[in-house]
Amino acid sequence: ILTEMGDDPDVVSTLPGGSLMLLKQSDTGQSEPVEKPLTGGWLQLGFRHVFGLDHVLFILGLFLLIPKWKPLVEQSLLFTVAHSITLALAIFGVVQMPEKLLQVLIAVSIAWVGIENLFVHQLGRQRLILVFCFGLLHGLGFAGTLAEKLDVVPRNELTGPLLGFNVGVELAQICILVGAFLLLMPVRKWTKQIQTYGSICVAIAGVVWVVQCLFSP
């Protein structure tokens, strides 16, 4: 949508599934332009972004260590706080990392979680530190997707979009955990076996992705 604002025309766009308000109806029934076009869809973008295979595998890796709500919510929130930090820093140009190296490290985080699940059977400080560090890496990964979308947003108005995106990410992670619990309920008597073989699958997927990132063009 091309809108005339001041001396220079301004291009305003909305995200898929979002909304754009250019006009509003006053109490008198007359249509008048809003002071600033309002865009939505950042929460939806964050929600949908989580359902990439890499992020789903990471969250499932956390689930497979201890499938209990309290420790999982703690890890999910810690992960969200971490990726929120690096996402904001990357969007403002404070932190940058080569794309290939970033992809390798994210793949390593998935393999690491799967492998560690086979040797660690309780949530300790080490796992929490790792979740936070891996969250920092994933935040940089989010930035690549989000940067182009935010090009049309003034720097002094980035708080809302970043907050909406991060809330969407956290909601999606909770949905993945809810889905994992629902799938586990009918086969709960085989929880140990599911934790073991599920972690092996996560580890293999992470290792395969590391190899692909290192040796594929």
N, C-alpha and C. Protein backbone atom coordinates (compact mmCIF):
# COMPACT_ATOMS: atom_id res chain seq x y z
N ILE A 1 0.86 -1.17 0.00
CA ILE A 1 0.00 0.00 0.00
C ILE A 1 0.90 1.22 0.00
N LEU A 2 0.72 2.10 -0.96
CA LEU A 2 1.51 3.32 -1.04
C LEU A 2 0.71 4.46 -0.42
N THR A 3 1.21 5.02 0.64
CA THR A 3 0.50 6.11 1.31
C THR A 3 1.31 7.38 1.22
N GLU A 4 0.63 8.50 1.02
CA GLU A 4 1.32 9.80 0.98
C GLU A 4 1.40 10.35 2.40
N MET A 5 2.61 10.43 2.94
CA MET A 5 2.80 10.93 4.29
C MET A 5 3.90 11.97 4.25
N GLY A 6 3.55 13.22 4.35
CA GLY A 6 4.54 14.28 4.29
C GLY A 6 5.02 14.49 2.87
N ASP A 7 6.28 14.86 2.74
CA ASP A 7 6.84 15.15 1.42
C ASP A 7 7.15 13.89 0.63
N ASP A 8 7.48 12.79 1.33
CA ASP A 8 7.88 11.56 0.64
C ASP A 8 6.81 10.50 0.80
N PRO A 9 6.52 9.74 -0.27
CA PRO A 9 5.57 8.64 -0.15
C PRO A 9 6.15 7.53 0.75
N ASP A 10 5.28 6.80 1.41
CA ASP A 10 5.71 5.77 2.34
C ASP A 10 5.02 4.47 1.99
N VAL A 11 5.79 3.37 1.93
CA VAL A 11 5.20 2.07 1.65
C VAL A 11 4.92 1.37 2.97
N VAL A 12 3.67 0.97 3.17
CA VAL A 12 3.24 0.30 4.39
C VAL A 12 2.78 -1.09 4.03
N SER A 13 3.24 -2.11 4.75
CA SER A 13 2.85 -3.49 4.44
C SER A 13 2.47 -4.21 5.72
N THR A 14 1.82 -5.34 5.56
CA THR A 14 1.43 -6.16 6.71
C THR A 14 1.91 -7.58 6.52
N LEU A 15 2.08 -8.27 7.60
CA LEU A 15 2.53 -9.66 7.55
C LEU A 15 1.38 -10.58 7.18
N PRO A 16 1.70 -11.77 6.63
CA PRO A 16 0.64 -12.75 6.36
C PRO A 16 -0.15 -13.06 7.62
N GLY A 17 -1.46 -12.98 7.53
CA GLY A 17 -2.30 -13.24 8.70
C GLY A 17 -2.43 -12.05 9.62
N GLY A 18 -1.80 -10.93 9.26
CA GLY A 18 -1.87 -9.75 10.11
C GLY A 18 -2.97 -8.81 9.65
N SER A 19 -2.91 -7.58 10.12
CA SER A 19 -3.93 -6.61 9.76
C SER A 19 -3.29 -5.24 9.59
N LEU A 20 -3.96 -4.40 8.84
CA LEU A 20 -3.46 -3.06 8.57
C LEU A 20 -4.61 -2.08 8.66
N MET A 21 -4.46 -1.05 9.48
CA MET A 21 -5.53 -0.07 9.64
C MET A 21 -5.07 1.28 9.08
N LEU A 22 -5.73 1.74 8.06
CA LEU A 22 -5.44 3.05 7.48
C LEU A 22 -6.53 4.06 7.78
N LEU A 23 -7.77 3.57 7.96
CA LEU A 23 -8.91 4.45 8.22
C LEU A 23 -9.65 3.97 9.46
N LYS A 24 -10.31 4.90 10.15
CA LYS A 24 -11.17 4.54 11.26
C LYS A 24 -12.44 5.38 11.18
N GLN A 25 -13.49 4.86 11.79
CA GLN A 25 -14.77 5.55 11.76
C GLN A 25 -14.97 6.32 13.06
N SER A 26 -15.24 7.60 12.94
CA SER A 26 -15.43 8.45 14.11
C SER A 26 -16.84 8.29 14.66
N ASP A 27 -17.12 8.94 15.79
CA ASP A 27 -18.45 8.87 16.40
C ASP A 27 -19.53 9.45 15.49
N THR A 28 -19.15 10.34 14.62
CA THR A 28 -20.13 10.95 13.71
C THR A 28 -20.42 10.09 12.49
N GLY A 29 -19.71 8.97 12.37
CA GLY A 29 -19.92 8.10 11.22
C GLY A 29 -19.02 8.41 10.05
N GLN A 30 -18.16 9.41 10.19
CA GLN A 30 -17.24 9.78 9.11
C GLN A 30 -15.96 8.94 9.20
N SER A 31 -15.41 8.59 8.04
CA SER A 31 -14.14 7.86 7.99
C SER A 31 -13.00 8.86 7.97
N GLU A 32 -12.00 8.59 8.76
CA GLU A 32 -10.84 9.47 8.80
C GLU A 32 -9.59 8.63 8.98
N PRO A 33 -8.45 9.11 8.48
CA PRO A 33 -7.22 8.32 8.60
C PRO A 33 -6.73 8.26 10.03
N VAL A 34 -6.11 7.15 10.39
CA VAL A 34 -5.50 7.05 11.71
C VAL A 34 -4.20 7.86 11.70
N GLU A 35 -3.74 8.23 12.89
CA GLU A 35 -2.53 9.05 12.95
C GLU A 35 -1.33 8.28 12.42
N LYS A 36 -1.26 6.99 12.76
CA LYS A 36 -0.19 6.15 12.24
C LYS A 36 -0.79 4.80 11.86
N PRO A 37 -0.46 4.26 10.69
CA PRO A 37 -0.94 2.94 10.34
C PRO A 37 -0.48 1.92 11.37
N LEU A 38 -1.39 1.07 11.78
CA LEU A 38 -1.07 0.06 12.79
C LEU A 38 -0.94 -1.30 12.13
N THR A 39 0.17 -1.98 12.33
CA THR A 39 0.39 -3.29 11.73
C THR A 39 0.33 -4.35 12.80
N GLY A 40 -0.13 -5.51 12.44
CA GLY A 40 -0.19 -6.64 13.37
C GLY A 40 0.45 -7.85 12.74
N GLY A 41 0.43 -8.97 13.45
CA GLY A 41 0.94 -10.21 12.91
C GLY A 41 2.28 -10.63 13.46
N TRP A 42 2.90 -9.82 14.32
CA TRP A 42 4.21 -10.21 14.85
C TRP A 42 4.10 -11.43 15.76
N LEU A 43 3.06 -11.48 16.55
CA LEU A 43 2.86 -12.65 17.42
C LEU A 43 2.66 -13.90 16.57
N GLN A 44 1.85 -13.78 15.51
CA GLN A 44 1.62 -14.92 14.63
C GLN A 44 2.91 -15.36 13.95
N LEU A 45 3.75 -14.39 13.55
CA LEU A 45 5.02 -14.73 12.91
C LEU A 45 5.91 -15.51 13.85
N GLY A 46 6.02 -15.06 15.11
CA GLY A 46 6.81 -15.78 16.09
C GLY A 46 6.27 -17.17 16.36
N PHE A 47 4.95 -17.27 16.42
CA PHE A 47 4.31 -18.57 16.67
C PHE A 47 4.63 -19.55 15.54
N ARG A 48 4.48 -19.10 14.31
CA ARG A 48 4.71 -19.99 13.17
C ARG A 48 6.19 -20.35 13.00
N HIS A 49 7.06 -19.42 13.37
CA HIS A 49 8.48 -19.65 13.17
C HIS A 49 8.99 -20.83 13.99
N VAL A 50 8.42 -21.06 15.14
CA VAL A 50 8.87 -22.14 16.03
C VAL A 50 8.65 -23.51 15.41
N PHE A 51 7.71 -23.63 14.49
CA PHE A 51 7.36 -24.94 13.97
C PHE A 51 8.27 -25.39 12.83
N GLY A 52 9.45 -24.77 12.73
CA GLY A 52 10.49 -25.34 11.89
C GLY A 52 11.06 -26.57 12.57
N LEU A 53 11.58 -27.51 11.79
CA LEU A 53 12.02 -28.79 12.34
C LEU A 53 13.10 -28.62 13.39
N ASP A 54 14.04 -27.69 13.18
CA ASP A 54 15.14 -27.53 14.13
C ASP A 54 14.64 -27.12 15.51
N HIS A 55 13.71 -26.17 15.55
CA HIS A 55 13.22 -25.69 16.84
C HIS A 55 12.35 -26.75 17.52
N VAL A 56 11.54 -27.45 16.76
CA VAL A 56 10.70 -28.51 17.33
C VAL A 56 11.57 -29.60 17.95
N LEU A 57 12.64 -29.99 17.25
CA LEU A 57 13.54 -31.02 17.77
C LEU A 57 14.20 -30.57 19.07
N PHE A 58 14.58 -29.30 19.14
CA PHE A 58 15.22 -28.80 20.36
C PHE A 58 14.25 -28.86 21.54
N ILE A 59 13.03 -28.40 21.33
CA ILE A 59 12.04 -28.41 22.41
C ILE A 59 11.71 -29.84 22.83
N LEU A 60 11.59 -30.74 21.86
CA LEU A 60 11.33 -32.14 22.19
C LEU A 60 12.51 -32.75 22.96
N GLY A 61 13.73 -32.30 22.62
CA GLY A 61 14.89 -32.77 23.37
C GLY A 61 14.80 -32.37 24.83
N LEU A 62 14.35 -31.16 25.10
CA LEU A 62 14.15 -30.74 26.49
C LEU A 62 13.06 -31.58 27.16
N PHE A 63 12.00 -31.84 26.43
CA PHE A 63 10.88 -32.63 26.96
C PHE A 63 11.33 -34.04 27.33
N LEU A 64 12.18 -34.63 26.50
CA LEU A 64 12.56 -36.03 26.70
C LEU A 64 13.46 -36.24 27.91
N LEU A 65 14.13 -35.20 28.40
CA LEU A 65 14.95 -35.37 29.60
C LEU A 65 14.07 -35.62 30.81
N ILE A 66 13.15 -34.70 31.07
CA ILE A 66 12.22 -34.84 32.20
C ILE A 66 10.85 -34.34 31.74
N PRO A 67 9.95 -35.26 31.38
CA PRO A 67 8.61 -34.84 30.93
C PRO A 67 7.70 -34.43 32.08
N LYS A 68 8.07 -33.32 32.72
CA LYS A 68 7.27 -32.76 33.80
C LYS A 68 7.10 -31.27 33.56
N TRP A 69 5.90 -30.75 33.90
CA TRP A 69 5.56 -29.38 33.51
C TRP A 69 6.48 -28.33 34.11
N LYS A 70 6.72 -28.36 35.41
CA LYS A 70 7.46 -27.28 36.05
C LYS A 70 8.86 -27.08 35.47
N PRO A 71 9.69 -28.14 35.40
CA PRO A 71 11.03 -27.93 34.83
C PRO A 71 10.99 -27.55 33.36
N LEU A 72 9.99 -28.03 32.63
CA LEU A 72 9.90 -27.70 31.21
C LEU A 72 9.52 -26.24 30.99
N VAL A 73 8.58 -25.74 31.79
CA VAL A 73 8.20 -24.33 31.66
C VAL A 73 9.38 -23.44 32.05
N GLU A 74 10.13 -23.84 33.08
CA GLU A 74 11.31 -23.07 33.47
C GLU A 74 12.31 -23.00 32.33
N GLN A 75 12.58 -24.14 31.69
CA GLN A 75 13.53 -24.16 30.58
C GLN A 75 13.01 -23.37 29.38
N SER A 76 11.72 -23.48 29.12
CA SER A 76 11.13 -22.77 27.99
C SER A 76 11.24 -21.26 28.19
N LEU A 77 10.94 -20.79 29.40
CA LEU A 77 11.04 -19.35 29.68
C LEU A 77 12.48 -18.88 29.64
N LEU A 78 13.39 -19.70 30.16
CA LEU A 78 14.81 -19.34 30.13
C LEU A 78 15.30 -19.23 28.69
N PHE A 79 14.88 -20.17 27.86
CA PHE A 79 15.23 -20.16 26.44
C PHE A 79 14.69 -18.91 25.76
N THR A 80 13.45 -18.54 26.08
CA THR A 80 12.83 -17.35 25.48
C THR A 80 13.55 -16.07 25.90
N VAL A 81 13.90 -15.97 27.18
CA VAL A 81 14.63 -14.80 27.65
C VAL A 81 15.96 -14.68 26.91
N ALA A 82 16.65 -15.80 26.76
CA ALA A 82 17.96 -15.79 26.10
C ALA A 82 17.84 -15.36 24.64
N HIS A 83 16.91 -15.98 23.90
CA HIS A 83 16.83 -15.62 22.48
C HIS A 83 16.26 -14.22 22.28
N SER A 84 15.51 -13.72 23.27
CA SER A 84 15.03 -12.34 23.19
C SER A 84 16.20 -11.36 23.22
N ILE A 85 17.20 -11.68 24.04
CA ILE A 85 18.36 -10.79 24.18
C ILE A 85 19.13 -10.69 22.86
N THR A 86 19.53 -11.84 22.32
CA THR A 86 20.34 -11.80 21.09
C THR A 86 19.51 -11.38 19.89
N LEU A 87 18.22 -11.67 19.90
CA LEU A 87 17.37 -11.22 18.80
C LEU A 87 17.36 -9.70 18.73
N ALA A 88 17.16 -9.05 19.88
CA ALA A 88 17.15 -7.59 19.91
C ALA A 88 18.51 -7.02 19.54
N LEU A 89 19.59 -7.62 20.07
CA LEU A 89 20.93 -7.13 19.76
C LEU A 89 21.24 -7.27 18.28
N ALA A 90 20.81 -8.38 17.68
CA ALA A 90 21.07 -8.60 16.26
C ALA A 90 20.27 -7.64 15.39
N ILE A 91 19.01 -7.41 15.75
CA ILE A 91 18.16 -6.51 14.98
C ILE A 91 18.73 -5.09 14.99
N PHE A 92 19.31 -4.68 16.12
CA PHE A 92 19.89 -3.34 16.22
C PHE A 92 21.34 -3.29 15.73
N GLY A 93 21.83 -4.43 15.21
CA GLY A 93 23.16 -4.45 14.62
C GLY A 93 24.30 -4.52 15.61
N VAL A 94 24.02 -4.85 16.87
CA VAL A 94 25.07 -4.91 17.89
C VAL A 94 25.85 -6.21 17.80
N VAL A 95 25.17 -7.31 17.49
CA VAL A 95 25.80 -8.63 17.42
C VAL A 95 25.51 -9.24 16.05
N GLN A 96 26.52 -9.83 15.46
CA GLN A 96 26.37 -10.51 14.19
C GLN A 96 27.21 -11.78 14.19
N MET A 97 26.80 -12.78 13.39
CA MET A 97 27.55 -14.03 13.29
C MET A 97 27.37 -14.56 11.87
N PRO A 98 28.42 -15.10 11.28
CA PRO A 98 28.29 -15.68 9.94
C PRO A 98 27.18 -16.73 9.89
N GLU A 99 26.37 -16.68 8.84
CA GLU A 99 25.19 -17.55 8.75
C GLU A 99 25.56 -19.03 8.83
N LYS A 100 26.61 -19.44 8.12
CA LYS A 100 26.98 -20.86 8.10
C LYS A 100 27.41 -21.34 9.48
N LEU A 101 28.22 -20.53 10.17
CA LEU A 101 28.66 -20.89 11.52
C LEU A 101 27.46 -20.97 12.45
N LEU A 102 26.53 -20.05 12.31
CA LEU A 102 25.34 -20.04 13.16
C LEU A 102 24.52 -21.31 12.95
N GLN A 103 24.34 -21.71 11.70
CA GLN A 103 23.57 -22.92 11.42
C GLN A 103 24.25 -24.16 12.00
N VAL A 104 25.58 -24.20 11.92
CA VAL A 104 26.32 -25.34 12.48
C VAL A 104 26.12 -25.40 13.99
N LEU A 105 26.22 -24.27 14.65
CA LEU A 105 26.10 -24.24 16.12
C LEU A 105 24.68 -24.59 16.57
N ILE A 106 23.68 -24.14 15.82
CA ILE A 106 22.30 -24.51 16.17
C ILE A 106 22.10 -26.01 16.01
N ALA A 107 22.67 -26.57 14.94
CA ALA A 107 22.58 -28.03 14.75
C ALA A 107 23.30 -28.76 15.88
N VAL A 108 24.45 -28.23 16.30
CA VAL A 108 25.18 -28.83 17.42
C VAL A 108 24.34 -28.80 18.69
N SER A 109 23.59 -27.71 18.90
CA SER A 109 22.76 -27.61 20.11
C SER A 109 21.71 -28.71 20.14
N ILE A 110 21.16 -29.04 18.99
CA ILE A 110 20.16 -30.12 18.92
C ILE A 110 20.81 -31.47 19.22
N ALA A 111 21.95 -31.73 18.56
CA ALA A 111 22.65 -32.99 18.80
C ALA A 111 23.09 -33.11 20.26
N TRP A 112 23.56 -32.01 20.82
CA TRP A 112 24.05 -32.01 22.21
C TRP A 112 22.93 -32.38 23.18
N VAL A 113 21.77 -31.77 23.01
CA VAL A 113 20.66 -32.05 23.91
C VAL A 113 20.27 -33.52 23.82
N GLY A 114 20.18 -34.05 22.61
CA GLY A 114 19.80 -35.46 22.45
C GLY A 114 20.82 -36.40 23.09
N ILE A 115 22.11 -36.12 22.87
CA ILE A 115 23.16 -36.98 23.43
C ILE A 115 23.21 -36.86 24.95
N GLU A 116 23.10 -35.65 25.46
CA GLU A 116 23.16 -35.45 26.91
C GLU A 116 22.01 -36.17 27.61
N ASN A 117 20.85 -36.23 26.97
CA ASN A 117 19.71 -36.93 27.57
C ASN A 117 20.01 -38.39 27.86
N LEU A 118 20.94 -38.98 27.12
CA LEU A 118 21.26 -40.38 27.29
C LEU A 118 22.14 -40.64 28.51
N PHE A 119 22.77 -39.57 29.00
CA PHE A 119 23.70 -39.73 30.12
C PHE A 119 23.28 -38.97 31.37
N VAL A 120 22.40 -38.00 31.21
CA VAL A 120 21.92 -37.20 32.34
C VAL A 120 20.44 -37.49 32.54
N HIS A 121 20.03 -37.73 33.77
CA HIS A 121 18.65 -38.13 34.03
C HIS A 121 17.93 -37.19 34.99
N GLN A 122 18.52 -36.03 35.24
CA GLN A 122 17.84 -35.04 36.07
C GLN A 122 18.26 -33.65 35.62
N LEU A 123 17.39 -32.69 35.90
CA LEU A 123 17.64 -31.31 35.51
C LEU A 123 18.58 -30.66 36.51
N GLY A 124 19.74 -30.24 36.04
CA GLY A 124 20.71 -29.58 36.90
C GLY A 124 21.12 -28.23 36.36
N ARG A 125 22.04 -27.58 37.06
CA ARG A 125 22.49 -26.26 36.65
C ARG A 125 23.13 -26.30 35.26
N GLN A 126 23.85 -27.39 34.97
CA GLN A 126 24.52 -27.49 33.67
C GLN A 126 23.52 -27.41 32.53
N ARG A 127 22.39 -28.12 32.65
CA ARG A 127 21.40 -28.10 31.59
C ARG A 127 20.77 -26.70 31.45
N LEU A 128 20.53 -26.04 32.57
CA LEU A 128 19.94 -24.70 32.52
C LEU A 128 20.89 -23.71 31.84
N ILE A 129 22.18 -23.83 32.13
CA ILE A 129 23.17 -22.96 31.49
C ILE A 129 23.20 -23.23 29.99
N LEU A 130 23.16 -24.50 29.62
CA LEU A 130 23.17 -24.87 28.20
C LEU A 130 21.93 -24.35 27.49
N VAL A 131 20.78 -24.48 28.12
CA VAL A 131 19.53 -23.99 27.52
C VAL A 131 19.63 -22.49 27.27
N PHE A 132 20.20 -21.77 28.24
CA PHE A 132 20.34 -20.31 28.07
C PHE A 132 21.31 -19.99 26.93
N CYS A 133 22.44 -20.68 26.89
CA CYS A 133 23.43 -20.43 25.84
C CYS A 133 22.87 -20.79 24.47
N PHE A 134 22.17 -21.92 24.38
CA PHE A 134 21.58 -22.31 23.10
C PHE A 134 20.47 -21.34 22.71
N GLY A 135 19.78 -20.78 23.71
CA GLY A 135 18.76 -19.77 23.41
C GLY A 135 19.38 -18.54 22.78
N LEU A 136 20.57 -18.16 23.24
CA LEU A 136 21.28 -17.03 22.63
C LEU A 136 21.57 -17.30 21.16
N LEU A 137 21.99 -18.53 20.85
CA LEU A 137 22.27 -18.90 19.46
C LEU A 137 21.00 -18.86 18.61
N HIS A 138 19.93 -19.44 19.13
CA HIS A 138 18.68 -19.49 18.37
C HIS A 138 18.12 -18.08 18.15
N GLY A 139 18.38 -17.18 19.08
CA GLY A 139 17.95 -15.80 18.90
C GLY A 139 18.59 -15.16 17.69
N LEU A 140 19.89 -15.45 17.49
CA LEU A 140 20.58 -14.94 16.30
C LEU A 140 19.99 -15.56 15.04
N GLY A 141 19.56 -16.83 15.15
CA GLY A 141 18.92 -17.48 14.02
C GLY A 141 17.58 -16.84 13.68
N PHE A 142 16.82 -16.46 14.71
CA PHE A 142 15.54 -15.78 14.49
C PHE A 142 15.75 -14.45 13.78
N ALA A 143 16.86 -13.78 14.10
CA ALA A 143 17.09 -12.44 13.57
C ALA A 143 17.14 -12.43 12.06
N GLY A 144 17.71 -13.48 11.47
CA GLY A 144 17.79 -13.54 10.02
C GLY A 144 16.42 -13.52 9.38
N THR A 145 15.46 -14.22 9.99
CA THR A 145 14.10 -14.26 9.46
C THR A 145 13.38 -12.95 9.69
N LEU A 146 13.62 -12.36 10.85
CA LEU A 146 12.84 -11.19 11.26
C LEU A 146 13.36 -9.87 10.69
N ALA A 147 14.65 -9.82 10.37
CA ALA A 147 15.26 -8.56 9.96
C ALA A 147 14.56 -7.93 8.76
N GLU A 148 14.29 -8.75 7.72
CA GLU A 148 13.65 -8.21 6.52
C GLU A 148 12.25 -7.69 6.83
N LYS A 149 11.54 -8.36 7.71
CA LYS A 149 10.19 -7.93 8.06
C LYS A 149 10.20 -6.59 8.80
N LEU A 150 11.27 -6.35 9.54
CA LEU A 150 11.33 -5.15 10.36
C LEU A 150 11.92 -3.94 9.64
N ASP A 151 12.32 -4.14 8.39
CA ASP A 151 12.91 -3.03 7.64
C ASP A 151 11.94 -1.86 7.51
N VAL A 152 10.64 -2.17 7.49
CA VAL A 152 9.64 -1.11 7.29
C VAL A 152 9.22 -0.45 8.61
N VAL A 153 9.76 -0.94 9.73
CA VAL A 153 9.39 -0.40 11.04
C VAL A 153 10.46 0.57 11.52
N PRO A 154 10.10 1.79 11.90
CA PRO A 154 11.08 2.73 12.43
C PRO A 154 11.78 2.17 13.67
N ARG A 155 13.04 2.50 13.85
CA ARG A 155 13.83 1.97 14.97
C ARG A 155 13.19 2.28 16.33
N ASN A 156 12.55 3.42 16.44
CA ASN A 156 11.97 3.78 17.73
C ASN A 156 10.63 3.10 17.99
N GLU A 157 10.19 2.23 17.05
CA GLU A 157 8.92 1.53 17.22
C GLU A 157 9.11 0.01 17.18
N LEU A 158 10.32 -0.45 17.46
CA LEU A 158 10.61 -1.89 17.35
C LEU A 158 10.21 -2.68 18.60
N THR A 159 9.94 -2.00 19.69
CA THR A 159 9.63 -2.71 20.94
C THR A 159 8.40 -3.60 20.79
N GLY A 160 7.33 -3.06 20.21
CA GLY A 160 6.10 -3.84 20.04
C GLY A 160 6.29 -5.07 19.18
N PRO A 161 6.86 -4.94 17.98
CA PRO A 161 7.09 -6.11 17.14
C PRO A 161 7.98 -7.16 17.80
N LEU A 162 9.06 -6.73 18.45
CA LEU A 162 9.96 -7.70 19.10
C LEU A 162 9.25 -8.41 20.24
N LEU A 163 8.48 -7.66 21.03
CA LEU A 163 7.73 -8.27 22.13
C LEU A 163 6.70 -9.26 21.59
N GLY A 164 5.96 -8.86 20.56
CA GLY A 164 4.97 -9.75 19.98
C GLY A 164 5.59 -11.02 19.42
N PHE A 165 6.72 -10.89 18.73
CA PHE A 165 7.40 -12.05 18.17
C PHE A 165 7.83 -13.01 19.27
N ASN A 166 8.43 -12.49 20.34
CA ASN A 166 8.91 -13.35 21.43
C ASN A 166 7.76 -14.02 22.18
N VAL A 167 6.66 -13.30 22.36
CA VAL A 167 5.48 -13.91 23.00
C VAL A 167 4.95 -15.03 22.12
N GLY A 168 4.93 -14.82 20.81
CA GLY A 168 4.49 -15.86 19.89
C GLY A 168 5.36 -17.09 19.96
N VAL A 169 6.68 -16.88 20.07
CA VAL A 169 7.61 -18.00 20.19
C VAL A 169 7.32 -18.81 21.46
N GLU A 170 7.14 -18.11 22.58
CA GLU A 170 6.89 -18.80 23.85
C GLU A 170 5.57 -19.58 23.80
N LEU A 171 4.53 -18.99 23.23
CA LEU A 171 3.25 -19.69 23.12
C LEU A 171 3.37 -20.93 22.26
N ALA A 172 4.14 -20.84 21.18
CA ALA A 172 4.32 -22.00 20.31
C ALA A 172 5.09 -23.11 21.03
N GLN A 173 6.09 -22.73 21.83
CA GLN A 173 6.83 -23.73 22.59
C GLN A 173 5.93 -24.45 23.57
N ILE A 174 5.06 -23.70 24.23
CA ILE A 174 4.11 -24.32 25.16
C ILE A 174 3.19 -25.27 24.41
N CYS A 175 2.75 -24.89 23.23
CA CYS A 175 1.88 -25.76 22.42
C CYS A 175 2.58 -27.05 22.05
N ILE A 176 3.87 -26.96 21.70
CA ILE A 176 4.63 -28.17 21.37
C ILE A 176 4.71 -29.08 22.59
N LEU A 177 4.95 -28.50 23.76
CA LEU A 177 5.02 -29.30 24.98
C LEU A 177 3.68 -29.94 25.31
N VAL A 178 2.60 -29.19 25.13
CA VAL A 178 1.26 -29.75 25.37
C VAL A 178 1.02 -30.93 24.43
N GLY A 179 1.38 -30.76 23.15
CA GLY A 179 1.22 -31.85 22.19
C GLY A 179 2.05 -33.06 22.58
N ALA A 180 3.27 -32.84 23.07
CA ALA A 180 4.12 -33.96 23.49
C ALA A 180 3.51 -34.70 24.68
N PHE A 181 2.96 -33.96 25.64
CA PHE A 181 2.31 -34.59 26.79
C PHE A 181 1.09 -35.41 26.35
N LEU A 182 0.31 -34.87 25.43
CA LEU A 182 -0.87 -35.59 24.95
C LEU A 182 -0.49 -36.89 24.25
N LEU A 183 0.60 -36.84 23.48
CA LEU A 183 1.06 -38.05 22.79
C LEU A 183 1.62 -39.07 23.78
N LEU A 184 2.20 -38.58 24.87
CA LEU A 184 2.80 -39.49 25.85
C LEU A 184 1.77 -40.17 26.74
N MET A 185 0.64 -39.53 26.96
CA MET A 185 -0.35 -40.05 27.92
C MET A 185 -0.77 -41.50 27.64
N PRO A 186 -1.12 -41.87 26.38
CA PRO A 186 -1.57 -43.25 26.17
C PRO A 186 -0.47 -44.29 26.32
N VAL A 187 0.79 -43.87 26.25
CA VAL A 187 1.90 -44.83 26.30
C VAL A 187 2.82 -44.52 27.47
N ARG A 188 2.26 -43.95 28.54
CA ARG A 188 3.08 -43.50 29.66
C ARG A 188 3.88 -44.64 30.30
N LYS A 189 3.37 -45.87 30.22
CA LYS A 189 4.10 -46.98 30.85
C LYS A 189 5.42 -47.28 30.14
N TRP A 190 5.58 -46.75 28.93
CA TRP A 190 6.83 -46.92 28.19
C TRP A 190 7.63 -45.61 28.16
N THR A 191 7.43 -44.76 29.17
CA THR A 191 8.08 -43.45 29.18
C THR A 191 9.59 -43.56 29.08
N LYS A 192 10.21 -44.45 29.84
CA LYS A 192 11.67 -44.59 29.82
C LYS A 192 12.17 -44.93 28.43
N GLN A 193 11.50 -45.89 27.80
CA GLN A 193 11.93 -46.28 26.45
C GLN A 193 11.75 -45.13 25.46
N ILE A 194 10.65 -44.40 25.60
CA ILE A 194 10.40 -43.27 24.71
C ILE A 194 11.46 -42.19 24.92
N GLN A 195 11.83 -41.94 26.17
CA GLN A 195 12.87 -40.96 26.45
C GLN A 195 14.19 -41.37 25.79
N THR A 196 14.53 -42.65 25.89
CA THR A 196 15.80 -43.13 25.34
C THR A 196 15.81 -43.07 23.82
N TYR A 197 14.83 -43.72 23.20
CA TYR A 197 14.83 -43.80 21.73
C TYR A 197 14.51 -42.44 21.10
N GLY A 198 13.68 -41.66 21.78
CA GLY A 198 13.40 -40.32 21.27
C GLY A 198 14.65 -39.45 21.30
N SER A 199 15.43 -39.54 22.37
CA SER A 199 16.67 -38.77 22.48
C SER A 199 17.68 -39.21 21.43
N ILE A 200 17.72 -40.50 21.15
CA ILE A 200 18.61 -41.01 20.10
C ILE A 200 18.23 -40.40 18.76
N CYS A 201 16.94 -40.33 18.48
CA CYS A 201 16.47 -39.75 17.21
C CYS A 201 16.83 -38.27 17.12
N VAL A 202 16.65 -37.54 18.23
CA VAL A 202 17.01 -36.12 18.24
C VAL A 202 18.51 -35.95 18.01
N ALA A 203 19.31 -36.78 18.67
CA ALA A 203 20.76 -36.70 18.52
C ALA A 203 21.19 -36.99 17.09
N ILE A 204 20.61 -38.03 16.49
CA ILE A 204 20.96 -38.39 15.11
C ILE A 204 20.59 -37.26 14.16
N ALA A 205 19.39 -36.70 14.34
CA ALA A 205 18.95 -35.60 13.48
C ALA A 205 19.90 -34.42 13.59
N GLY A 206 20.35 -34.11 14.82
CA GLY A 206 21.28 -33.00 15.02
C GLY A 206 22.62 -33.27 14.36
N VAL A 207 23.14 -34.49 14.52
CA VAL A 207 24.44 -34.84 13.91
C VAL A 207 24.35 -34.79 12.38
N VAL A 208 23.26 -35.31 11.83
CA VAL A 208 23.08 -35.28 10.38
C VAL A 208 23.05 -33.83 9.89
N TRP A 209 22.37 -32.98 10.62
CA TRP A 209 22.28 -31.58 10.21
C TRP A 209 23.64 -30.89 10.31
N VAL A 210 24.44 -31.25 11.35
CA VAL A 210 25.79 -30.70 11.46
C VAL A 210 26.60 -31.06 10.22
N VAL A 211 26.54 -32.32 9.83
CA VAL A 211 27.30 -32.79 8.67
C VAL A 211 26.83 -32.05 7.41
N GLN A 212 25.53 -31.91 7.26
CA GLN A 212 25.00 -31.19 6.10
C GLN A 212 25.49 -29.75 6.06
N CYS A 213 25.46 -29.09 7.23
CA CYS A 213 25.89 -27.69 7.28
C CYS A 213 27.38 -27.55 6.95
N LEU A 214 28.17 -28.53 7.37
CA LEU A 214 29.61 -28.44 7.16
C LEU A 214 30.03 -28.76 5.72
N PHE A 215 29.34 -29.69 5.11
CA PHE A 215 29.82 -30.21 3.81
C PHE A 215 28.90 -29.91 2.64
N SER A 216 27.69 -29.42 2.89
CA SER A 216 26.83 -29.06 1.78
C SER A 216 27.11 -27.62 1.34
N PRO A 217 26.89 -27.30 0.06
CA PRO A 217 27.12 -25.93 -0.42
C PRO A 217 26.21 -24.95 0.32
